[in-house]
Amino acid sequence: MAEERLQKILSKAGVASRRTAEAMILAGRVTVNGEKILTLGQKFDGITCKIAVDGRPISAPEKHIYVLLNKPKGYVSTVKDERGRPTVLDLVKDIAARIYPVGRLDRNTEGLILMTNDGALMNALLHPKYATEKKYVAKVSGDVREERLDKLRIGVSLEDGITTPAKVRVLEREAEEARVEIILREGRNRQVRRMFAAIGCDVVSLKRVEFAGLNLQGVKRGQYRLLTKEEVAYLYRLTGTRA
C-alpha cells in the first residue's frame, strides 16, 4: 500500500477529522511503531505500521456512517465536554461506530447537524472553498427593519472580519419580535447571533433547518436518521469529493 500522510490515515480510520487529527499529532498523542510523532507531513503505510492514539491502536478503516441529527438545546457539539455537559454523542449511543459532528452548533442552538466517520467528506463540507449553505430560522427581538437586514445582505463587520453576504427574509412579524430566515455560506463561531447583535438585535432562539441542501423533515427533536445512499452521493457531488 502507498504511504499517506499520518493525519489522512487517522481520518480514513474514523479517528477524527483531518484537522483534529493534525492537532492530535502536534499534541503528542499519536505514535507510529512505538515512536511519538510530533510533526505534520510525515507519511506512513497505514497497513504495515502500528499506529496508536493515546496508546490505543487504531483499527482498519471503519464502514462509513452518515447521520442527520436534530440537536436539541442544551447539548454541545463536541465528542467530549470537560464541564460534563451532555454532548451530541449522547443522542447516538446506539451507533457502534465512532462518529463526529460536522462543524458545530452552539449549546443554545437547536437543529440539523450531520455526524460521520468519513473524514474526507467532513473536511470538504467544512472547507470554505465549497461555501456549504446553512439555513437558520431565528426568533429576533429589536428593530428588525429591512434597512437593518440589508446590512446582513451586504456583510457586517465582526471582530474576526467582514461576513460574506447572507440571504435574509422575514417570515413573521409580531410586536417587538420577528421570525427571520437567514442563509449563510460561512461557519464562524456563533455567527448568526453575532451578526444580529451587530445590527442591534438579539436572537431569542435559533434553529438550523437545513445544511448542504438536507433538511429535518421527519426527524423529531433529539432524534436522528441515517442518510440514504442517494443523499451521500449528492454530498460527494456537491463537494467534488471522491468516494
C-alpha atoms as a PDB file:
ATOM      1  CA  MET A   1       0.000   0.000   0.000  1.00  0.00           C
ATOM      2  CA  ALA A   2       1.257   3.503  -0.815  1.00  0.00           C
ATOM      3  CA  GLU A   3       2.285   5.690   2.071  1.00  0.00           C
ATOM      4  CA  GLU A   4      -0.047   8.508   3.148  1.00  0.00           C
ATOM      5  CA  ARG A   5       0.201  11.455   5.476  1.00  0.00           C
ATOM      6  CA  LEU A   6      -0.438  10.425   9.054  1.00  0.00           C
ATOM      7  CA  GLN A   7      -3.400  12.771   9.541  1.00  0.00           C
ATOM      8  CA  LYS A   8      -5.056  11.284   6.455  1.00  0.00           C
ATOM      9  CA  ILE A   9      -4.597   7.752   7.790  1.00  0.00           C
ATOM     10  CA  LEU A  10      -6.217   8.767  11.086  1.00  0.00           C
ATOM     11  CA  SER A  11      -9.090  10.456   9.262  1.00  0.00           C
ATOM     12  CA  LYS A  12      -9.729   7.459   7.000  1.00  0.00           C
ATOM     13  CA  ALA A  13      -9.722   5.180  10.039  1.00  0.00           C
ATOM     14  CA  GLY A  14     -12.547   7.252  11.543  1.00  0.00           C
ATOM     15  CA  VAL A  15     -10.442   8.567  14.422  1.00  0.00           C
ATOM     16  CA  ALA A  16     -11.170  12.238  13.754  1.00  0.00           C
ATOM     17  CA  SER A  17     -11.418  14.844  11.032  1.00  0.00           C
ATOM     18  CA  ARG A  18      -8.123  15.630   9.354  1.00  0.00           C
ATOM     19  CA  ARG A  19      -7.822  18.977  11.134  1.00  0.00           C
ATOM     20  CA  THR A  20      -8.471  17.389  14.523  1.00  0.00           C
ATOM     21  CA  ALA A  21      -6.004  14.615  13.679  1.00  0.00           C
ATOM     22  CA  GLU A  22      -3.355  17.241  12.998  1.00  0.00           C
ATOM     23  CA  ALA A  23      -3.981  18.726  16.445  1.00  0.00           C
ATOM     24  CA  MET A  24      -3.657  15.246  17.985  1.00  0.00           C
ATOM     25  CA  ILE A  25      -0.286  14.768  16.299  1.00  0.00           C
ATOM     26  CA  LEU A  26       1.036  18.143  17.430  1.00  0.00           C
ATOM     27  CA  ALA A  27      -0.149  17.374  20.969  1.00  0.00           C
ATOM     28  CA  GLY A  28       1.966  14.216  21.009  1.00  0.00           C
ATOM     29  CA  ARG A  29      -0.979  11.838  21.212  1.00  0.00           C
ATOM     30  CA  VAL A  30      -0.048   9.735  18.176  1.00  0.00           C
ATOM     31  CA  THR A  31       2.670   7.076  17.908  1.00  0.00           C
ATOM     32  CA  VAL A  32       3.882   5.045  14.944  1.00  0.00           C
ATOM     33  CA  ASN A  33       5.661   1.780  15.733  1.00  0.00           C
ATOM     34  CA  GLY A  34       6.007   2.991  19.307  1.00  0.00           C
ATOM     35  CA  GLU A  35       7.606   6.321  18.383  1.00  0.00           C
ATOM     36  CA  LYS A  36       5.784   9.553  19.195  1.00  0.00           C
ATOM     37  CA  ILE A  37       5.198  11.713  16.114  1.00  0.00           C
ATOM     38  CA  LEU A  38       5.247  15.461  16.758  1.00  0.00           C
ATOM     39  CA  THR A  39       5.430  16.984  13.282  1.00  0.00           C
ATOM     40  CA  LEU A  40       2.961  17.094  10.407  1.00  0.00           C
ATOM     41  CA  GLY A  41       3.572  15.883   6.895  1.00  0.00           C
ATOM     42  CA  GLN A  42       5.246  12.556   7.619  1.00  0.00           C
ATOM     43  CA  LYS A  43       3.992   9.627   5.540  1.00  0.00           C
ATOM     44  CA  PHE A  44       3.460   6.032   6.623  1.00  0.00           C
ATOM     45  CA  ASP A  45       1.892   2.808   5.449  1.00  0.00           C
ATOM     46  CA  GLY A  46      -1.387   2.555   7.320  1.00  0.00           C
ATOM     47  CA  ILE A  47      -1.491  -1.224   6.922  1.00  0.00           C
ATOM     48  CA  THR A  48       2.021  -2.293   7.945  1.00  0.00           C
ATOM     49  CA  CYS A  49       2.734   0.390  10.558  1.00  0.00           C
ATOM     50  CA  LYS A  50       1.420   0.124  14.123  1.00  0.00           C
ATOM     51  CA  ILE A  51      -0.352   3.415  14.710  1.00  0.00           C
ATOM     52  CA  ALA A  52      -1.877   4.346  18.063  1.00  0.00           C
ATOM     53  CA  VAL A  53      -3.707   7.329  19.555  1.00  0.00           C
ATOM     54  CA  ASP A  54      -3.370   7.821  23.314  1.00  0.00           C
ATOM     55  CA  GLY A  55      -1.816   4.359  23.445  1.00  0.00           C
ATOM     56  CA  ARG A  56      -4.768   2.684  21.735  1.00  0.00           C
ATOM     57  CA  PRO A  57      -4.097   1.103  18.318  1.00  0.00           C
ATOM     58  CA  ILE A  58      -6.291   2.394  15.528  1.00  0.00           C
ATOM     59  CA  SER A  59      -8.326  -0.152  13.657  1.00  0.00           C
ATOM     60  CA  ALA A  60      -8.742  -0.676   9.961  1.00  0.00           C
ATOM     61  CA  PRO A  61     -10.941   1.901   8.245  1.00  0.00           C
ATOM     62  CA  GLU A  62     -14.480   1.613   9.554  1.00  0.00           C
ATOM     63  CA  LYS A  63     -17.552   1.372   7.433  1.00  0.00           C
ATOM     64  CA  HIS A  64     -18.656   4.913   6.803  1.00  0.00           C
ATOM     65  CA  ILE A  65     -21.730   6.050   8.709  1.00  0.00           C
ATOM     66  CA  TYR A  66     -23.693   9.218   7.895  1.00  0.00           C
ATOM     67  CA  VAL A  67     -26.170  10.569  10.454  1.00  0.00           C
ATOM     68  CA  LEU A  68     -28.564  13.515  10.334  1.00  0.00           C
ATOM     69  CA  LEU A  69     -29.385  14.600  13.903  1.00  0.00           C
ATOM     70  CA  ASN A  70     -31.975  17.083  15.139  1.00  0.00           C
ATOM     71  CA  LYS A  71     -29.997  18.535  18.054  1.00  0.00           C
ATOM     72  CA  PRO A  72     -31.994  19.931  20.993  1.00  0.00           C
ATOM     73  CA  LYS A  73     -30.872  22.892  23.067  1.00  0.00           C
ATOM     74  CA  GLY A  74     -28.579  22.059  25.955  1.00  0.00           C
ATOM     75  CA  TYR A  75     -26.267  19.707  24.041  1.00  0.00           C
ATOM     76  CA  VAL A  76     -22.770  20.682  22.961  1.00  0.00           C
ATOM     77  CA  SER A  77     -21.472  19.680  19.536  1.00  0.00           C
ATOM     78  CA  THR A  78     -18.277  18.021  20.716  1.00  0.00           C
ATOM     79  CA  VAL A  79     -17.181  14.451  21.334  1.00  0.00           C
ATOM     80  CA  LYS A  80     -16.318  15.170  24.969  1.00  0.00           C
ATOM     81  CA  ASP A  81     -17.037  18.104  27.243  1.00  0.00           C
ATOM     82  CA  GLU A  82     -14.644  18.989  30.070  1.00  0.00           C
ATOM     83  CA  ARG A  83     -17.505  20.509  32.060  1.00  0.00           C
ATOM     84  CA  GLY A  84     -19.554  17.331  31.915  1.00  0.00           C
ATOM     85  CA  ARG A  85     -22.372  18.753  29.825  1.00  0.00           C
ATOM     86  CA  PRO A  86     -24.342  16.405  27.537  1.00  0.00           C
ATOM     87  CA  THR A  87     -22.944  16.123  24.019  1.00  0.00           C
ATOM     88  CA  VAL A  88     -24.437  15.162  20.668  1.00  0.00           C
ATOM     89  CA  LEU A  89     -22.818  11.727  21.072  1.00  0.00           C
ATOM     90  CA  ASP A  90     -25.223  11.052  23.935  1.00  0.00           C
ATOM     91  CA  LEU A  91     -28.026  11.153  21.367  1.00  0.00           C
ATOM     92  CA  VAL A  92     -26.492   8.483  19.115  1.00  0.00           C
ATOM     93  CA  LYS A  93     -25.293   5.962  21.710  1.00  0.00           C
ATOM     94  CA  ASP A  94     -26.785   3.062  19.817  1.00  0.00           C
ATOM     95  CA  ILE A  95     -24.398   3.643  16.897  1.00  0.00           C
ATOM     96  CA  ALA A  96     -21.311   1.500  17.453  1.00  0.00           C
ATOM     97  CA  ALA A  97     -19.040   3.381  15.041  1.00  0.00           C
ATOM     98  CA  ARG A  98     -17.061   6.394  16.232  1.00  0.00           C
ATOM     99  CA  ILE A  99     -18.715   9.340  14.531  1.00  0.00           C
ATOM    100  CA  TYR A 100     -18.027  13.045  14.831  1.00  0.00           C
ATOM    101  CA  PRO A 101     -20.097  16.190  14.293  1.00  0.00           C
ATOM    102  CA  VAL A 102     -19.554  18.063  11.040  1.00  0.00           C
ATOM    103  CA  GLY A 103     -18.980  21.544  12.405  1.00  0.00           C
ATOM    104  CA  ARG A 104     -20.753  22.856  15.471  1.00  0.00           C
ATOM    105  CA  LEU A 105     -23.969  24.325  16.736  1.00  0.00           C
ATOM    106  CA  ASP A 106     -23.624  26.228  19.982  1.00  0.00           C
ATOM    107  CA  ARG A 107     -25.257  24.817  23.101  1.00  0.00           C
ATOM    108  CA  ASN A 108     -28.337  27.050  22.876  1.00  0.00           C
ATOM    109  CA  THR A 109     -28.910  26.466  19.169  1.00  0.00           C
ATOM    110  CA  GLU A 110     -31.003  23.528  18.020  1.00  0.00           C
ATOM    111  CA  GLY A 111     -31.492  21.853  14.696  1.00  0.00           C
ATOM    112  CA  LEU A 112     -29.706  19.959  11.973  1.00  0.00           C
ATOM    113  CA  ILE A 113     -26.192  18.681  12.434  1.00  0.00           C
ATOM    114  CA  LEU A 114     -24.520  15.951  10.399  1.00  0.00           C
ATOM    115  CA  MET A 115     -22.308  13.326  12.041  1.00  0.00           C
ATOM    116  CA  THR A 116     -19.983  10.890  10.305  1.00  0.00           C
ATOM    117  CA  ASN A 117     -16.701   8.991  10.407  1.00  0.00           C
ATOM    118  CA  ASP A 118     -15.992   9.901   6.778  1.00  0.00           C
ATOM    119  CA  GLY A 119     -13.133  12.327   7.296  1.00  0.00           C
ATOM    120  CA  ALA A 120     -12.765  13.243   3.617  1.00  0.00           C
ATOM    121  CA  LEU A 121     -16.384  14.288   3.254  1.00  0.00           C
ATOM    122  CA  MET A 122     -16.363  16.015   6.646  1.00  0.00           C
ATOM    123  CA  ASN A 123     -13.389  18.160   5.655  1.00  0.00           C
ATOM    124  CA  ALA A 124     -14.923  19.019   2.296  1.00  0.00           C
ATOM    125  CA  LEU A 125     -18.244  20.111   3.814  1.00  0.00           C
ATOM    126  CA  LEU A 126     -16.408  22.405   6.228  1.00  0.00           C
ATOM    127  CA  HIS A 127     -13.920  23.813   3.724  1.00  0.00           C
ATOM    128  CA  PRO A 128     -14.563  27.470   2.785  1.00  0.00           C
ATOM    129  CA  LYS A 129     -13.888  26.559  -0.850  1.00  0.00           C
ATOM    130  CA  TYR A 130     -17.277  24.845  -1.162  1.00  0.00           C
ATOM    131  CA  ALA A 131     -19.257  27.504   0.759  1.00  0.00           C
ATOM    132  CA  THR A 132     -21.813  24.981   2.001  1.00  0.00           C
ATOM    133  CA  GLU A 133     -25.193  26.644   2.596  1.00  0.00           C
ATOM    134  CA  LYS A 134     -26.656  26.621   6.094  1.00  0.00           C
ATOM    135  CA  LYS A 135     -30.228  27.811   6.633  1.00  0.00           C
ATOM    136  CA  TYR A 136     -31.417  29.034  10.035  1.00  0.00           C
ATOM    137  CA  VAL A 137     -34.663  30.339  11.461  1.00  0.00           C
ATOM    138  CA  ALA A 138     -34.096  32.894  14.217  1.00  0.00           C
ATOM    139  CA  LYS A 139     -36.568  34.490  16.580  1.00  0.00           C
ATOM    140  CA  VAL A 140     -35.207  38.007  16.919  1.00  0.00           C
ATOM    141  CA  SER A 141     -36.092  40.856  19.234  1.00  0.00           C
ATOM    142  CA  GLY A 142     -35.442  44.503  18.479  1.00  0.00           C
ATOM    143  CA  ASP A 143     -35.876  46.757  15.473  1.00  0.00           C
ATOM    144  CA  VAL A 144     -35.881  44.362  12.507  1.00  0.00           C
ATOM    145  CA  ARG A 145     -36.442  46.864   9.737  1.00  0.00           C
ATOM    146  CA  GLU A 146     -35.490  45.940   6.180  1.00  0.00           C
ATOM    147  CA  GLU A 147     -32.799  48.610   6.073  1.00  0.00           C
ATOM    148  CA  ARG A 148     -31.115  46.907   9.010  1.00  0.00           C
ATOM    149  CA  LEU A 149     -31.433  43.490   7.438  1.00  0.00           C
ATOM    150  CA  ASP A 150     -29.873  44.951   4.290  1.00  0.00           C
ATOM    151  CA  LYS A 151     -26.633  45.237   6.248  1.00  0.00           C
ATOM    152  CA  LEU A 152     -26.641  41.457   6.697  1.00  0.00           C
ATOM    153  CA  ARG A 153     -27.310  41.059   2.974  1.00  0.00           C
ATOM    154  CA  ILE A 154     -24.212  43.131   2.222  1.00  0.00           C
ATOM    155  CA  GLY A 155     -21.961  41.939   5.044  1.00  0.00           C
ATOM    156  CA  VAL A 156     -21.340  43.246   8.551  1.00  0.00           C
ATOM    157  CA  SER A 157     -18.072  43.806  10.374  1.00  0.00           C
ATOM    158  CA  LEU A 158     -17.359  41.386  13.222  1.00  0.00           C
ATOM    159  CA  GLU A 159     -14.228  41.076  15.341  1.00  0.00           C
ATOM    160  CA  ASP A 160     -12.995  38.303  13.056  1.00  0.00           C
ATOM    161  CA  GLY A 161     -13.690  40.145   9.807  1.00  0.00           C
ATOM    162  CA  ILE A 162     -16.499  41.155   7.486  1.00  0.00           C
ATOM    163  CA  THR A 163     -19.106  38.480   6.840  1.00  0.00           C
ATOM    164  CA  THR A 164     -19.983  37.331   3.349  1.00  0.00           C
ATOM    165  CA  PRO A 165     -23.428  38.434   2.103  1.00  0.00           C
ATOM    166  CA  ALA A 166     -26.305  36.480   3.645  1.00  0.00           C
ATOM    167  CA  LYS A 167     -29.756  35.747   2.259  1.00  0.00           C
ATOM    168  CA  VAL A 168     -32.311  37.127   4.705  1.00  0.00           C
ATOM    169  CA  ARG A 169     -36.106  37.302   4.749  1.00  0.00           C
ATOM    170  CA  VAL A 170     -38.705  37.957   7.428  1.00  0.00           C
ATOM    171  CA  LEU A 171     -41.114  35.057   7.874  1.00  0.00           C
ATOM    172  CA  GLU A 172     -43.367  36.626  10.500  1.00  0.00           C
ATOM    173  CA  ARG A 173     -43.567  39.847  12.472  1.00  0.00           C
ATOM    174  CA  GLU A 174     -45.039  40.336  15.930  1.00  0.00           C
ATOM    175  CA  ALA A 175     -44.988  43.286  18.337  1.00  0.00           C
ATOM    176  CA  GLU A 176     -41.282  43.597  19.064  1.00  0.00           C
ATOM    177  CA  GLU A 177     -40.101  40.299  17.639  1.00  0.00           C
ATOM    178  CA  ALA A 178     -39.768  38.659  14.259  1.00  0.00           C
ATOM    179  CA  ARG A 179     -39.036  35.218  12.829  1.00  0.00           C
ATOM    180  CA  VAL A 180     -36.263  35.606  10.314  1.00  0.00           C
ATOM    181  CA  GLU A 181     -34.794  33.098   7.873  1.00  0.00           C
ATOM    182  CA  ILE A 182     -31.091  33.567   7.221  1.00  0.00           C
ATOM    183  CA  ILE A 183     -28.863  31.558   4.879  1.00  0.00           C
ATOM    184  CA  LEU A 184     -25.089  31.641   5.331  1.00  0.00           C
ATOM    185  CA  ARG A 185     -22.181  30.225   3.371  1.00  0.00           C
ATOM    186  CA  GLU A 186     -19.792  30.583   6.287  1.00  0.00           C
ATOM    187  CA  GLY A 187     -19.448  28.715   9.571  1.00  0.00           C
ATOM    188  CA  ARG A 188     -17.929  31.063  12.126  1.00  0.00           C
ATOM    189  CA  ASN A 189     -18.426  30.596  15.857  1.00  0.00           C
ATOM    190  CA  ARG A 190     -21.867  31.869  16.950  1.00  0.00           C
ATOM    191  CA  GLN A 191     -22.066  33.750  13.661  1.00  0.00           C
ATOM    192  CA  VAL A 192     -25.830  34.268  13.382  1.00  0.00           C
ATOM    193  CA  ARG A 193     -26.088  35.627  16.917  1.00  0.00           C
ATOM    194  CA  ARG A 194     -23.139  37.960  16.390  1.00  0.00           C
ATOM    195  CA  MET A 195     -24.472  39.213  13.056  1.00  0.00           C
ATOM    196  CA  PHE A 196     -27.812  40.188  14.552  1.00  0.00           C
ATOM    197  CA  ALA A 197     -26.051  41.786  17.522  1.00  0.00           C
ATOM    198  CA  ALA A 198     -24.075  43.876  15.037  1.00  0.00           C
ATOM    199  CA  ILE A 199     -27.329  45.451  13.776  1.00  0.00           C
ATOM    200  CA  GLY A 200     -28.707  45.992  17.276  1.00  0.00           C
ATOM    201  CA  CYS A 201     -30.928  42.908  17.579  1.00  0.00           C
ATOM    202  CA  ASP A 202     -30.944  39.955  19.986  1.00  0.00           C
ATOM    203  CA  VAL A 203     -31.501  36.345  18.964  1.00  0.00           C
ATOM    204  CA  VAL A 204     -34.084  34.846  21.327  1.00  0.00           C
ATOM    205  CA  SER A 205     -33.988  31.371  19.782  1.00  0.00           C
ATOM    206  CA  LEU A 206     -32.149  29.833  16.859  1.00  0.00           C
ATOM    207  CA  LYS A 207     -32.632  26.667  14.826  1.00  0.00           C
ATOM    208  CA  ARG A 208     -30.682  25.343  11.847  1.00  0.00           C
ATOM    209  CA  VAL A 209     -33.248  23.868   9.492  1.00  0.00           C
ATOM    210  CA  GLU A 210     -31.051  22.986   6.504  1.00  0.00           C
ATOM    211  CA  PHE A 211     -27.427  22.087   5.857  1.00  0.00           C
ATOM    212  CA  ALA A 212     -25.979  21.432   2.402  1.00  0.00           C
ATOM    213  CA  GLY A 213     -29.489  21.035   0.982  1.00  0.00           C
ATOM    214  CA  LEU A 214     -30.606  18.477   3.591  1.00  0.00           C
ATOM    215  CA  ASN A 215     -33.483  19.255   5.956  1.00  0.00           C
ATOM    216  CA  LEU A 216     -35.131  17.979   9.134  1.00  0.00           C
ATOM    217  CA  GLN A 217     -38.279  16.575   7.553  1.00  0.00           C
ATOM    218  CA  GLY A 218     -39.462  13.558   9.544  1.00  0.00           C
ATOM    219  CA  VAL A 219     -36.770  13.891  12.235  1.00  0.00           C
ATOM    220  CA  LYS A 220     -38.093  14.936  15.645  1.00  0.00           C
ATOM    221  CA  ARG A 221     -36.073  16.940  18.147  1.00  0.00           C
ATOM    222  CA  GLY A 222     -33.473  14.701  19.804  1.00  0.00           C
ATOM    223  CA  GLN A 223     -33.842  12.014  17.122  1.00  0.00           C
ATOM    224  CA  TYR A 224     -31.715  11.093  14.116  1.00  0.00           C
ATOM    225  CA  ARG A 225     -31.807   9.158  10.880  1.00  0.00           C
ATOM    226  CA  LEU A 226     -29.176   7.682   8.588  1.00  0.00           C
ATOM    227  CA  LEU A 227     -28.591   9.366   5.250  1.00  0.00           C
ATOM    228  CA  THR A 228     -29.655   7.450   2.184  1.00  0.00           C
ATOM    229  CA  LYS A 229     -27.129   6.331  -0.434  1.00  0.00           C
ATOM    230  CA  GLU A 230     -28.567   8.965  -2.747  1.00  0.00           C
ATOM    231  CA  GLU A 231     -28.025  11.716  -0.182  1.00  0.00           C
ATOM    232  CA  VAL A 232     -24.442  10.643   0.447  1.00  0.00           C
ATOM    233  CA  ALA A 233     -23.783  10.578  -3.296  1.00  0.00           C
ATOM    234  CA  TYR A 234     -25.301  14.061  -3.546  1.00  0.00           C
ATOM    235  CA  LEU A 235     -22.941  15.399  -0.843  1.00  0.00           C
ATOM    236  CA  TYR A 236     -19.978  13.917  -2.688  1.00  0.00           C
ATOM    237  CA  ARG A 237     -21.089  15.617  -5.904  1.00  0.00           C
ATOM    238  CA  LEU A 238     -21.711  18.873  -4.074  1.00  0.00           C
ATOM    239  CA  THR A 239     -18.182  18.986  -2.698  1.00  0.00           C
ATOM    240  CA  GLY A 240     -16.440  17.340  -5.615  1.00  0.00           C
ATOM    241  CA  THR A 241     -15.113  14.693  -3.226  1.00  0.00           C
ATOM    242  CA  ARG A 242     -14.190  11.228  -4.378  1.00  0.00           C
ATOM    243  CA  ALA A 243     -15.721   8.304  -2.504  1.00  0.00           C
END
